[in-house]
Amino acid sequence: MKVKKMDTLKIENAVRDILEAIGEDPNREGLLDTPKRIAKMYEEIFSGLHENPKDHLQIFFQEENHEEMVIVKDISFHSVCEHHLVPFFGKAHVAYIPKGGKLTGLSKLARVVETAARRPQLQERIAKTVAESIMEVLKPHGVLVVLEGEHMCMTMRGIKKPGSKTITSSVRGIFETDAATRAEALSLINSR
């Protein structure tokens, strides 16, 4: 799906309209630059709309004998709930077992998470996108992605339960079919 670049002027006008609609004066001193600041912020926090997470995995190393589990845990992420356009944030944990020695740089896994998160999003979709990207590009024995997130749509509105965590996972390959391998990865992820 081809997404056009952001129209910052349209965002600025929309923010002015929202400010007026809630009963604010967009011309008062404290709000004068708010539409521009929000447009600039949206360019940053929604930059993943214009990137493909898989592109970060194109560089990998051939390490012939390494077919052991690789885990990068506690990858901080932030996103915006596509239902309410309020933030959610948390930690991602990514495990994979290389096949044929195809390894990617550890930072590349964090970049895949970041790219998938930087768009109006669902936590479940981030996990799925990360897992499928790794499977497609590196073709490992398996991938396990676990996300722990706190959603402001549950904290500041609705049920108003600060501190509640949502945990989602996406498993592929050996992590899906072998309970012992999955348990080992989860044990390592949960160790502090």
Protein backbone atom coordinates (compact mmCIF):
# COMPACT_ATOMS: atom_id res chain seq x y z
CA MET A 1 0.00 0.00 0.00
CA LYS A 2 1.50 3.30 -1.10
CA VAL A 3 0.94 6.06 1.44
CA LYS A 4 1.40 9.67 0.43
CA LYS A 5 3.69 11.94 2.42
CA MET A 6 2.20 13.92 5.28
CA ASP A 7 0.40 17.13 4.51
CA THR A 8 1.56 19.26 7.45
CA LEU A 9 -0.55 22.25 6.41
CA LYS A 10 -3.66 20.06 6.45
CA ILE A 11 -2.69 18.79 9.92
CA GLU A 12 -2.22 22.36 11.17
CA ASN A 13 -5.65 23.37 9.86
CA ALA A 14 -7.26 20.29 11.40
CA VAL A 15 -5.67 21.03 14.80
CA ARG A 16 -6.98 24.61 14.64
CA ASP A 17 -10.44 23.20 13.87
CA ILE A 18 -10.21 20.80 16.82
CA LEU A 19 -9.14 23.59 19.17
CA GLU A 20 -12.11 25.68 18.06
CA ALA A 21 -14.46 22.67 18.30
CA ILE A 22 -13.54 22.06 21.96
CA GLY A 23 -14.18 25.72 22.76
CA GLU A 24 -10.59 27.00 22.75
CA ASP A 25 -9.21 30.03 20.99
CA PRO A 26 -6.43 28.86 18.63
CA ASN A 27 -5.22 32.47 18.46
CA ARG A 28 -4.47 32.82 22.15
CA GLU A 29 -0.80 33.10 23.06
CA GLY A 30 -0.28 29.58 24.43
CA LEU A 31 -1.92 27.92 21.42
CA LEU A 32 -0.60 30.04 18.54
CA ASP A 33 2.16 27.58 17.57
CA THR A 34 0.37 24.42 18.73
CA PRO A 35 -0.88 23.43 15.26
CA LYS A 36 2.68 23.64 13.86
CA ARG A 37 4.12 21.74 16.83
CA ILE A 38 1.56 18.97 16.44
CA ALA A 39 2.18 18.71 12.68
CA LYS A 40 5.92 18.41 13.34
CA MET A 41 5.31 15.85 16.09
CA TYR A 42 3.06 13.79 13.78
CA GLU A 43 5.82 13.70 11.16
CA GLU A 44 8.06 12.13 13.80
CA ILE A 45 5.70 9.76 15.62
CA PHE A 46 4.05 8.54 12.41
CA SER A 47 7.27 8.24 10.38
CA GLY A 48 6.80 4.47 10.22
CA LEU A 49 3.98 5.01 7.71
CA HIS A 50 6.64 5.78 5.11
CA GLU A 51 9.05 2.96 5.97
CA ASN A 52 9.00 -0.79 5.56
CA PRO A 53 10.17 -2.62 8.71
CA LYS A 54 11.74 -5.34 6.54
CA ASP A 55 14.18 -2.82 5.06
CA HIS A 56 16.09 -2.75 8.36
CA LEU A 57 16.79 -6.48 8.11
CA GLN A 58 18.49 -6.47 4.71
CA ILE A 59 21.96 -6.48 6.25
CA PHE A 60 22.81 -9.80 7.82
CA PHE A 61 25.94 -11.77 8.55
CA GLN A 62 26.61 -15.34 7.44
CA GLU A 63 27.86 -17.13 10.54
CA GLU A 64 27.76 -20.73 9.36
CA ASN A 65 27.54 -22.57 12.64
CA HIS A 66 25.28 -20.26 14.65
CA GLU A 67 21.79 -21.68 14.96
CA GLU A 68 21.20 -20.83 18.62
CA MET A 69 18.59 -18.52 20.08
CA VAL A 70 19.13 -14.77 19.85
CA ILE A 71 17.04 -12.51 22.12
CA VAL A 72 16.90 -8.76 22.38
CA LYS A 73 14.62 -7.80 25.24
CA ASP A 74 13.33 -4.62 26.82
CA ILE A 75 13.24 -2.68 23.55
CA SER A 76 11.35 0.50 24.42
CA PHE A 77 8.62 1.45 22.00
CA HIS A 78 5.85 4.00 21.75
CA SER A 79 2.93 4.16 19.41
CA VAL A 80 -0.48 5.75 19.01
CA CYS A 81 -3.71 3.80 19.37
CA GLU A 82 -5.54 3.90 16.06
CA HIS A 83 -8.91 3.92 17.86
CA HIS A 84 -8.42 7.03 20.02
CA LEU A 85 -5.17 8.59 18.71
CA VAL A 86 -3.66 8.56 22.19
CA PRO A 87 -0.26 7.03 23.02
CA PHE A 88 0.63 3.61 24.23
CA PHE A 89 4.13 2.55 25.16
CA GLY A 90 6.09 -0.31 26.60
CA LYS A 91 8.75 -2.92 26.00
CA ALA A 92 9.21 -5.37 23.16
CA HIS A 93 11.11 -8.63 23.40
CA VAL A 94 12.26 -10.33 20.19
CA ALA A 95 13.70 -13.84 19.95
CA TYR A 96 14.70 -15.76 16.85
CA ILE A 97 16.70 -18.85 15.98
CA PRO A 98 18.82 -18.26 12.87
CA LYS A 99 18.89 -20.79 10.06
CA GLY A 100 21.88 -21.18 7.79
CA GLY A 101 23.78 -18.66 9.89
CA LYS A 102 21.68 -15.70 8.76
CA LEU A 103 22.09 -13.18 11.56
CA THR A 104 21.05 -9.56 11.62
CA GLY A 105 22.56 -6.79 13.70
CA LEU A 106 20.97 -6.54 17.14
CA SER A 107 20.05 -2.90 16.59
CA LYS A 108 18.18 -3.94 13.45
CA LEU A 109 15.65 -5.83 15.58
CA ALA A 110 15.01 -2.66 17.59
CA ARG A 111 14.62 -0.69 14.35
CA VAL A 112 12.01 -3.15 13.08
CA VAL A 113 10.02 -2.68 16.30
CA GLU A 114 10.34 1.11 16.10
CA THR A 115 9.25 1.26 12.46
CA ALA A 116 6.25 -0.98 13.05
CA ALA A 117 5.20 1.10 16.07
CA ARG A 118 5.52 4.55 14.45
CA ARG A 119 2.08 4.69 12.89
CA PRO A 120 -1.51 4.66 14.12
CA GLN A 121 -1.46 1.13 15.39
CA LEU A 122 -2.67 -1.83 17.42
CA GLN A 123 -0.26 -3.54 19.79
CA GLU A 124 -1.22 -6.91 18.35
CA ARG A 125 -0.33 -5.72 14.84
CA ILE A 126 3.10 -4.49 15.94
CA ALA A 127 3.97 -7.97 17.24
CA LYS A 128 2.66 -9.63 14.09
CA THR A 129 4.49 -7.19 11.77
CA VAL A 130 7.80 -7.70 13.60
CA ALA A 131 7.47 -11.50 13.55
CA GLU A 132 6.46 -11.67 9.89
CA SER A 133 9.20 -9.25 8.82
CA ILE A 134 11.89 -11.34 10.49
CA MET A 135 10.48 -14.60 9.12
CA GLU A 136 10.28 -13.25 5.58
CA VAL A 137 13.73 -11.67 5.41
CA LEU A 138 15.94 -13.89 7.60
CA LYS A 139 13.97 -17.13 7.15
CA PRO A 140 14.95 -18.37 10.65
CA HIS A 141 13.82 -21.56 12.36
CA GLY A 142 11.37 -19.40 14.29
CA VAL A 143 10.51 -16.05 15.83
CA LEU A 144 8.84 -15.07 19.09
CA VAL A 145 7.79 -11.47 19.75
CA VAL A 146 6.28 -10.36 23.06
CA LEU A 147 5.05 -6.82 23.69
CA GLU A 148 4.10 -5.35 27.07
CA GLY A 149 2.26 -2.07 26.74
CA GLU A 150 0.45 0.53 28.77
CA HIS A 151 -2.36 2.18 26.86
CA MET A 152 -3.37 5.75 27.63
CA CYS A 153 -6.84 4.97 26.25
CA MET A 154 -7.24 2.79 29.37
CA THR A 155 -5.33 5.12 31.70
CA MET A 156 -6.65 8.61 30.99
CA ARG A 157 -10.13 7.84 29.63
CA GLY A 158 -12.67 5.04 29.71
CA ILE A 159 -11.93 2.59 32.52
CA LYS A 160 -9.09 4.81 33.91
CA LYS A 161 -6.78 2.07 35.18
CA PRO A 162 -3.21 3.43 35.26
CA GLY A 163 -0.47 0.85 35.37
CA SER A 164 -2.47 -1.91 33.72
CA LYS A 165 -0.39 -3.76 31.13
CA THR A 166 -1.46 -5.44 27.93
CA ILE A 167 0.72 -8.35 26.83
CA THR A 168 0.59 -9.64 23.27
CA SER A 169 2.70 -12.15 21.41
CA SER A 170 3.31 -13.42 17.94
CA VAL A 171 5.01 -16.77 17.40
CA ARG A 172 6.23 -18.39 14.22
CA GLY A 173 8.10 -21.55 13.30
CA ILE A 174 9.74 -23.63 16.02
CA PHE A 175 8.47 -21.34 18.77
CA GLU A 176 4.94 -22.21 17.68
CA THR A 177 5.49 -25.95 17.32
CA ASP A 178 7.96 -26.75 20.11
CA ALA A 179 6.70 -25.99 23.63
CA ALA A 180 10.16 -26.46 25.19
CA THR A 181 11.79 -23.93 22.86
CA ARG A 182 8.97 -21.46 23.48
CA ALA A 183 9.27 -22.00 27.25
CA GLU A 184 13.04 -21.43 27.15
CA ALA A 185 12.60 -18.14 25.29
CA LEU A 186 9.85 -16.94 27.62
CA SER A 187 11.95 -17.89 30.66
CA LEU A 188 14.90 -15.87 29.33
CA ILE A 189 12.62 -12.94 28.47
CA ASN A 190 11.04 -12.97 31.93
CA SER A 191 14.36 -13.23 33.79
CA ARG A 192 15.45 -9.87 35.15
